[in-house]
PDB file of all heavy atoms in Angstrom:
ATOM      1  N   SER A   1      14.717  13.338  20.800  1.00  0.00           N
ATOM      2  CA  SER A   1      15.337  13.573  22.107  1.00  0.00           C
ATOM      3  C   SER A   1      14.833  14.870  22.730  1.00  0.00           C
ATOM      4  O   SER A   1      14.504  14.916  23.920  1.00  0.00           O
ATOM      5  CB  SER A   1      16.862  13.629  21.959  1.00  0.00           C
ATOM      6  OG  SER A   1      17.384  12.407  21.489  1.00  0.00           O
ATOM      7  N   VAL A   2      14.757  15.927  21.926  1.00  0.00           N
ATOM      8  CA  VAL A   2      14.304  17.225  22.436  1.00  0.00           C
ATOM      9  C   VAL A   2      12.827  17.160  22.819  1.00  0.00           C
ATOM     10  O   VAL A   2      12.413  17.707  23.859  1.00  0.00           O
ATOM     11  CB  VAL A   2      14.557  18.330  21.390  1.00  0.00           C
ATOM     12  CG1 VAL A   2      13.916  19.642  21.824  1.00  0.00           C
ATOM     13  CG2 VAL A   2      16.053  18.524  21.173  1.00  0.00           C
ATOM     14  N   ALA A   3      12.020  16.493  22.006  1.00  0.00           N
ATOM     15  CA  ALA A   3      10.583  16.383  22.306  1.00  0.00           C
ATOM     16  C   ALA A   3      10.357  15.638  23.620  1.00  0.00           C
ATOM     17  O   ALA A   3       9.531  16.050  24.451  1.00  0.00           O
ATOM     18  CB  ALA A   3       9.871  15.675  21.155  1.00  0.00           C
ATOM     19  N   LEU A   4      11.087  14.547  23.816  1.00  0.00           N
ATOM     20  CA  LEU A   4      10.958  13.805  25.074  1.00  0.00           C
ATOM     21  C   LEU A   4      11.434  14.644  26.256  1.00  0.00           C
ATOM     22  O   LEU A   4      10.838  14.613  27.340  1.00  0.00           O
ATOM     23  CB  LEU A   4      11.766  12.504  24.988  1.00  0.00           C
ATOM     24  CG  LEU A   4      11.189  11.424  24.074  1.00  0.00           C
ATOM     25  CD1 LEU A   4      12.151  10.258  23.968  1.00  0.00           C
ATOM     26  CD2 LEU A   4       9.835  10.941  24.597  1.00  0.00           C
ATOM     27  N   PHE A   5      12.503  15.406  26.031  1.00  0.00           N
ATOM     28  CA  PHE A   5      12.998  16.279  27.107  1.00  0.00           C
ATOM     29  C   PHE A   5      11.940  17.314  27.492  1.00  0.00           C
ATOM     30  O   PHE A   5      11.686  17.540  28.682  1.00  0.00           O
ATOM     31  CB  PHE A   5      14.278  16.981  26.654  1.00  0.00           C
ATOM     32  CG  PHE A   5      14.682  18.133  27.530  1.00  0.00           C
ATOM     33  CD1 PHE A   5      15.167  17.904  28.801  1.00  0.00           C
ATOM     34  CD2 PHE A   5      14.551  19.436  27.088  1.00  0.00           C
ATOM     35  CE1 PHE A   5      15.528  18.958  29.631  1.00  0.00           C
ATOM     36  CE2 PHE A   5      14.902  20.500  27.901  1.00  0.00           C
ATOM     37  CZ  PHE A   5      15.398  20.262  29.181  1.00  0.00           C
ATOM     38  N   LEU A   6      11.325  17.940  26.517  1.00  0.00           N
ATOM     39  CA  LEU A   6      10.302  18.960  26.806  1.00  0.00           C
ATOM     40  C   LEU A   6       9.108  18.348  27.526  1.00  0.00           C
ATOM     41  O   LEU A   6       8.468  19.013  28.356  1.00  0.00           O
ATOM     42  CB  LEU A   6       9.857  19.629  25.507  1.00  0.00           C
ATOM     43  CG  LEU A   6      10.926  20.482  24.801  1.00  0.00           C
ATOM     44  CD1 LEU A   6      10.398  21.010  23.480  1.00  0.00           C
ATOM     45  CD2 LEU A   6      11.397  21.622  25.693  1.00  0.00           C
ATOM     46  N   ALA A   7       8.812  17.091  27.214  1.00  0.00           N
ATOM     47  CA  ALA A   7       7.693  16.425  27.890  1.00  0.00           C
ATOM     48  C   ALA A   7       8.043  16.047  29.329  1.00  0.00           C
ATOM     49  O   ALA A   7       7.181  16.073  30.217  1.00  0.00           O
ATOM     50  CB  ALA A   7       7.287  15.176  27.103  1.00  0.00           C
ATOM     51  N   LEU A   8       9.323  15.714  29.578  1.00  0.00           N
ATOM     52  CA  LEU A   8       9.732  15.263  30.906  1.00  0.00           C
ATOM     53  C   LEU A   8      10.130  16.397  31.829  1.00  0.00           C
ATOM     54  O   LEU A   8       9.986  16.291  33.052  1.00  0.00           O
ATOM     55  CB  LEU A   8      10.917  14.290  30.770  1.00  0.00           C
ATOM     56  CG  LEU A   8      10.642  12.948  30.101  1.00  0.00           C
ATOM     57  CD1 LEU A   8      11.958  12.216  29.837  1.00  0.00           C
ATOM     58  CD2 LEU A   8       9.730  12.095  30.966  1.00  0.00           C
ATOM     59  N   ALA A   9      10.645  17.496  31.262  1.00  0.00           N
ATOM     60  CA  ALA A   9      11.225  18.569  32.071  1.00  0.00           C
ATOM     61  C   ALA A   9      10.285  19.104  33.147  1.00  0.00           C
ATOM     62  O   ALA A   9      10.716  19.321  34.297  1.00  0.00           O
ATOM     63  CB  ALA A   9      11.702  19.705  31.164  1.00  0.00           C
ATOM     64  N   PRO A  10       8.990  19.333  32.856  1.00  0.00           N
ATOM     65  CA  PRO A  10       8.118  19.885  33.916  1.00  0.00           C
ATOM     66  C   PRO A  10       7.935  18.947  35.107  1.00  0.00           C
ATOM     67  O   PRO A  10       7.528  19.393  36.189  1.00  0.00           O
ATOM     68  CB  PRO A  10       6.790  20.105  33.186  1.00  0.00           C
ATOM     69  CG  PRO A  10       7.141  20.184  31.738  1.00  0.00           C
ATOM     70  CD  PRO A  10       8.283  19.245  31.574  1.00  0.00           C
ATOM     71  N   PHE A  11       8.236  17.657  34.913  1.00  0.00           N
ATOM     72  CA  PHE A  11       8.022  16.678  35.976  1.00  0.00           C
ATOM     73  C   PHE A  11       9.338  16.136  36.531  1.00  0.00           C
ATOM     74  O   PHE A  11       9.362  15.108  37.210  1.00  0.00           O
ATOM     75  CB  PHE A  11       7.182  15.508  35.446  1.00  0.00           C
ATOM     76  CG  PHE A  11       5.922  15.935  34.742  1.00  0.00           C
ATOM     77  CD1 PHE A  11       5.871  15.977  33.357  1.00  0.00           C
ATOM     78  CD2 PHE A  11       4.808  16.324  35.472  1.00  0.00           C
ATOM     79  CE1 PHE A  11       4.714  16.381  32.702  1.00  0.00           C
ATOM     80  CE2 PHE A  11       3.649  16.730  34.831  1.00  0.00           C
ATOM     81  CZ  PHE A  11       3.601  16.769  33.435  1.00  0.00           C
ATOM     82  N   ALA A  12      10.448  16.833  36.253  1.00  0.00           N
ATOM     83  CA  ALA A  12      11.764  16.328  36.639  1.00  0.00           C
ATOM     84  C   ALA A  12      11.909  16.142  38.146  1.00  0.00           C
ATOM     85  O   ALA A  12      12.654  15.269  38.606  1.00  0.00           O
ATOM     86  CB  ALA A  12      12.858  17.270  36.126  1.00  0.00           C
ATOM     87  N   LYS A  13      11.220  16.943  38.938  1.00  0.00           N
ATOM     88  CA  LYS A  13      11.325  16.858  40.393  1.00  0.00           C
ATOM     89  C   LYS A  13      10.393  15.822  41.007  1.00  0.00           C
ATOM     90  O   LYS A  13      10.370  15.656  42.236  1.00  0.00           O
ATOM     91  CB  LYS A  13      11.047  18.222  41.022  1.00  0.00           C
ATOM     92  CG  LYS A  13      12.028  19.318  40.612  1.00  0.00           C
ATOM     93  CD  LYS A  13      11.693  20.625  41.300  1.00  0.00           C
ATOM     94  CE  LYS A  13      12.588  21.756  40.804  1.00  0.00           C
ATOM     95  NZ  LYS A  13      14.000  21.527  41.125  1.00  0.00           N
ATOM     96  N   LEU A  14       9.621  15.128  40.191  1.00  0.00           N
ATOM     97  CA  LEU A  14       8.671  14.138  40.701  1.00  0.00           C
ATOM     98  C   LEU A  14       9.424  12.996  41.382  1.00  0.00           C
ATOM     99  O   LEU A  14      10.221  12.302  40.751  1.00  0.00           O
ATOM    100  CB  LEU A  14       7.829  13.593  39.549  1.00  0.00           C
ATOM    101  CG  LEU A  14       6.779  12.540  39.917  1.00  0.00           C
ATOM    102  CD1 LEU A  14       5.673  13.161  40.762  1.00  0.00           C
ATOM    103  CD2 LEU A  14       6.200  11.917  38.647  1.00  0.00           C
ATOM    104  N   PRO A  15       9.207  12.754  42.670  1.00  0.00           N
ATOM    105  CA  PRO A  15       9.936  11.667  43.359  1.00  0.00           C
ATOM    106  C   PRO A  15       9.451  10.300  42.893  1.00  0.00           C
ATOM    107  O   PRO A  15       8.257  10.077  42.701  1.00  0.00           O
ATOM    108  CB  PRO A  15       9.612  11.906  44.833  1.00  0.00           C
ATOM    109  CG  PRO A  15       8.312  12.647  44.826  1.00  0.00           C
ATOM    110  CD  PRO A  15       8.312  13.495  43.585  1.00  0.00           C
ATOM    111  N   LEU A  16      10.396   9.401  42.706  1.00  0.00           N
ATOM    112  CA  LEU A  16      10.083   8.035  42.313  1.00  0.00           C
ATOM    113  C   LEU A  16      10.712   7.070  43.314  1.00  0.00           C
ATOM    114  O   LEU A  16      11.454   7.477  44.204  1.00  0.00           O
ATOM    115  CB  LEU A  16      10.613   7.749  40.896  1.00  0.00           C
ATOM    116  CG  LEU A  16      10.029   8.592  39.762  1.00  0.00           C
ATOM    117  CD1 LEU A  16      10.688   8.230  38.436  1.00  0.00           C
ATOM    118  CD2 LEU A  16       8.522   8.411  39.665  1.00  0.00           C
ATOM    119  N   ALA A  17      10.427   5.796  43.153  1.00  0.00           N
ATOM    120  CA  ALA A  17      10.959   4.793  44.073  1.00  0.00           C
ATOM    121  C   ALA A  17      12.481   4.730  43.973  1.00  0.00           C
ATOM    122  O   ALA A  17      13.059   4.878  42.890  1.00  0.00           O
ATOM    123  CB  ALA A  17      10.367   3.425  43.740  1.00  0.00           C
ATOM    124  N   LYS A  18      13.134   4.508  45.122  1.00  0.00           N
ATOM    125  CA  LYS A  18      14.586   4.369  45.135  1.00  0.00           C
ATOM    126  C   LYS A  18      14.962   2.965  44.678  1.00  0.00           C
ATOM    127  O   LYS A  18      14.562   1.975  45.281  1.00  0.00           O
ATOM    128  CB  LYS A  18      15.131   4.623  46.532  1.00  0.00           C
ATOM    129  CG  LYS A  18      14.963   6.069  47.001  1.00  0.00           C
ATOM    130  CD  LYS A  18      15.605   6.275  48.364  1.00  0.00           C
ATOM    131  CE  LYS A  18      15.478   7.727  48.802  1.00  0.00           C
ATOM    132  NZ  LYS A  18      16.113   7.970  50.111  1.00  0.00           N
ATOM    133  N   VAL A  19      15.737   2.900  43.605  1.00  0.00           N
ATOM    134  CA  VAL A  19      16.181   1.612  43.061  1.00  0.00           C
ATOM    135  C   VAL A  19      17.697   1.670  42.912  1.00  0.00           C
ATOM    136  O   VAL A  19      18.218   1.950  41.828  1.00  0.00           O
ATOM    137  CB  VAL A  19      15.508   1.310  41.704  1.00  0.00           C
ATOM    138  CG1 VAL A  19      15.885  -0.093  41.236  1.00  0.00           C
ATOM    139  CG2 VAL A  19      14.009   1.471  41.791  1.00  0.00           C
ATOM    140  N   PRO A  20      18.446   1.424  43.991  1.00  0.00           N
ATOM    141  CA  PRO A  20      19.911   1.500  43.911  1.00  0.00           C
ATOM    142  C   PRO A  20      20.495   0.563  42.857  1.00  0.00           C
ATOM    143  O   PRO A  20      21.534   0.865  42.264  1.00  0.00           O
ATOM    144  CB  PRO A  20      20.365   1.090  45.322  1.00  0.00           C
ATOM    145  CG  PRO A  20      19.205   1.438  46.197  1.00  0.00           C
ATOM    146  CD  PRO A  20      17.987   1.167  45.359  1.00  0.00           C
ATOM    147  N   ALA A  21      19.824  -0.585  42.609  1.00  0.00           N
ATOM    148  CA  ALA A  21      20.340  -1.522  41.613  1.00  0.00           C
ATOM    149  C   ALA A  21      20.372  -0.902  40.222  1.00  0.00           C
ATOM    150  O   ALA A  21      21.182  -1.306  39.371  1.00  0.00           O
ATOM    151  CB  ALA A  21      19.482  -2.784  41.595  1.00  0.00           C
ATOM    152  N   PHE A  22      19.503   0.077  39.968  1.00  0.00           N
ATOM    153  CA  PHE A  22      19.501   0.760  38.677  1.00  0.00           C
ATOM    154  C   PHE A  22      20.842   1.435  38.418  1.00  0.00           C
ATOM    155  O   PHE A  22      21.350   1.408  37.298  1.00  0.00           O
ATOM    156  CB  PHE A  22      18.377   1.796  38.651  1.00  0.00           C
ATOM    157  CG  PHE A  22      18.418   2.712  37.459  1.00  0.00           C
ATOM    158  CD1 PHE A  22      17.876   2.325  36.247  1.00  0.00           C
ATOM    159  CD2 PHE A  22      19.007   3.974  37.549  1.00  0.00           C
ATOM    160  CE1 PHE A  22      17.916   3.174  35.135  1.00  0.00           C
ATOM    161  CE2 PHE A  22      19.053   4.827  36.460  1.00  0.00           C
ATOM    162  CZ  PHE A  22      18.507   4.420  35.246  1.00  0.00           C
ATOM    163  N   ILE A  23      21.434   2.034  39.478  1.00  0.00           N
ATOM    164  CA  ILE A  23      22.708   2.727  39.319  1.00  0.00           C
ATOM    165  C   ILE A  23      23.803   1.751  38.923  1.00  0.00           C
ATOM    166  O   ILE A  23      24.598   2.002  38.022  1.00  0.00           O
ATOM    167  CB  ILE A  23      23.091   3.462  40.613  1.00  0.00           C
ATOM    168  CG1 ILE A  23      22.010   4.481  40.959  1.00  0.00           C
ATOM    169  CG2 ILE A  23      24.436   4.153  40.477  1.00  0.00           C
ATOM    170  CD1 ILE A  23      21.829   5.540  39.915  1.00  0.00           C
ATOM    171  N   GLY A  24      23.848   0.590  39.599  1.00  0.00           N
ATOM    172  CA  GLY A  24      24.863  -0.406  39.263  1.00  0.00           C
ATOM    173  C   GLY A  24      24.744  -0.897  37.835  1.00  0.00           C
ATOM    174  O   GLY A  24      25.738  -0.992  37.107  1.00  0.00           O
ATOM    175  N   ALA A  25      23.512  -1.198  37.417  1.00  0.00           N
ATOM    176  CA  ALA A  25      23.298  -1.671  36.045  1.00  0.00           C
ATOM    177  C   ALA A  25      23.638  -0.575  35.039  1.00  0.00           C
ATOM    178  O   ALA A  25      24.283  -0.827  34.017  1.00  0.00           O
ATOM    179  CB  ALA A  25      21.849  -2.121  35.881  1.00  0.00           C
ATOM    180  N   TYR A  26      23.207   0.645  35.330  1.00  0.00           N
ATOM    181  CA  TYR A  26      23.469   1.776  34.440  1.00  0.00           C
ATOM    182  C   TYR A  26      24.962   2.036  34.293  1.00  0.00           C
ATOM    183  O   TYR A  26      25.486   2.171  33.181  1.00  0.00           O
ATOM    184  CB  TYR A  26      22.761   3.009  35.001  1.00  0.00           C
ATOM    185  CG  TYR A  26      23.325   4.327  34.559  1.00  0.00           C
ATOM    186  CD1 TYR A  26      23.077   4.828  33.285  1.00  0.00           C
ATOM    187  CD2 TYR A  26      24.100   5.099  35.426  1.00  0.00           C
ATOM    188  CE1 TYR A  26      23.595   6.048  32.878  1.00  0.00           C
ATOM    189  CE2 TYR A  26      24.613   6.323  35.031  1.00  0.00           C
ATOM    190  CZ  TYR A  26      24.361   6.787  33.755  1.00  0.00           C
ATOM    191  OH  TYR A  26      24.880   7.985  33.357  1.00  0.00           O
ATOM    192  N   GLN A  27      25.689   2.089  35.424  1.00  0.00           N
ATOM    193  CA  GLN A  27      27.121   2.381  35.372  1.00  0.00           C
ATOM    194  C   GLN A  27      27.885   1.264  34.652  1.00  0.00           C
ATOM    195  O   GLN A  27      28.795   1.543  33.870  1.00  0.00           O
ATOM    196  CB  GLN A  27      27.671   2.542  36.779  1.00  0.00           C
ATOM    197  CG  GLN A  27      27.027   3.640  37.595  1.00  0.00           C
ATOM    198  CD  GLN A  27      27.435   5.038  37.138  1.00  0.00           C
ATOM    199  OE1 GLN A  27      26.613   5.773  36.624  1.00  0.00           O
ATOM    200  NE2 GLN A  27      28.663   5.394  37.323  1.00  0.00           N
ATOM    201  N   SER A  28      27.522   0.014  34.914  1.00  0.00           N
ATOM    202  CA  SER A  28      28.213  -1.112  34.273  1.00  0.00           C
ATOM    203  C   SER A  28      28.036  -1.084  32.769  1.00  0.00           C
ATOM    204  O   SER A  28      28.992  -1.264  32.006  1.00  0.00           O
ATOM    205  CB  SER A  28      27.690  -2.434  34.843  1.00  0.00           C
ATOM    206  OG  SER A  28      27.905  -2.519  36.234  1.00  0.00           O
TER     207      SER A  28
END
């Protein structure tokens, strides 16, 4: 988990496509 976090952290602000359906699936 920590290794993946360190790899992702520098790119956290990278904009990606808006997928509102992801939120519904994630929350459910």
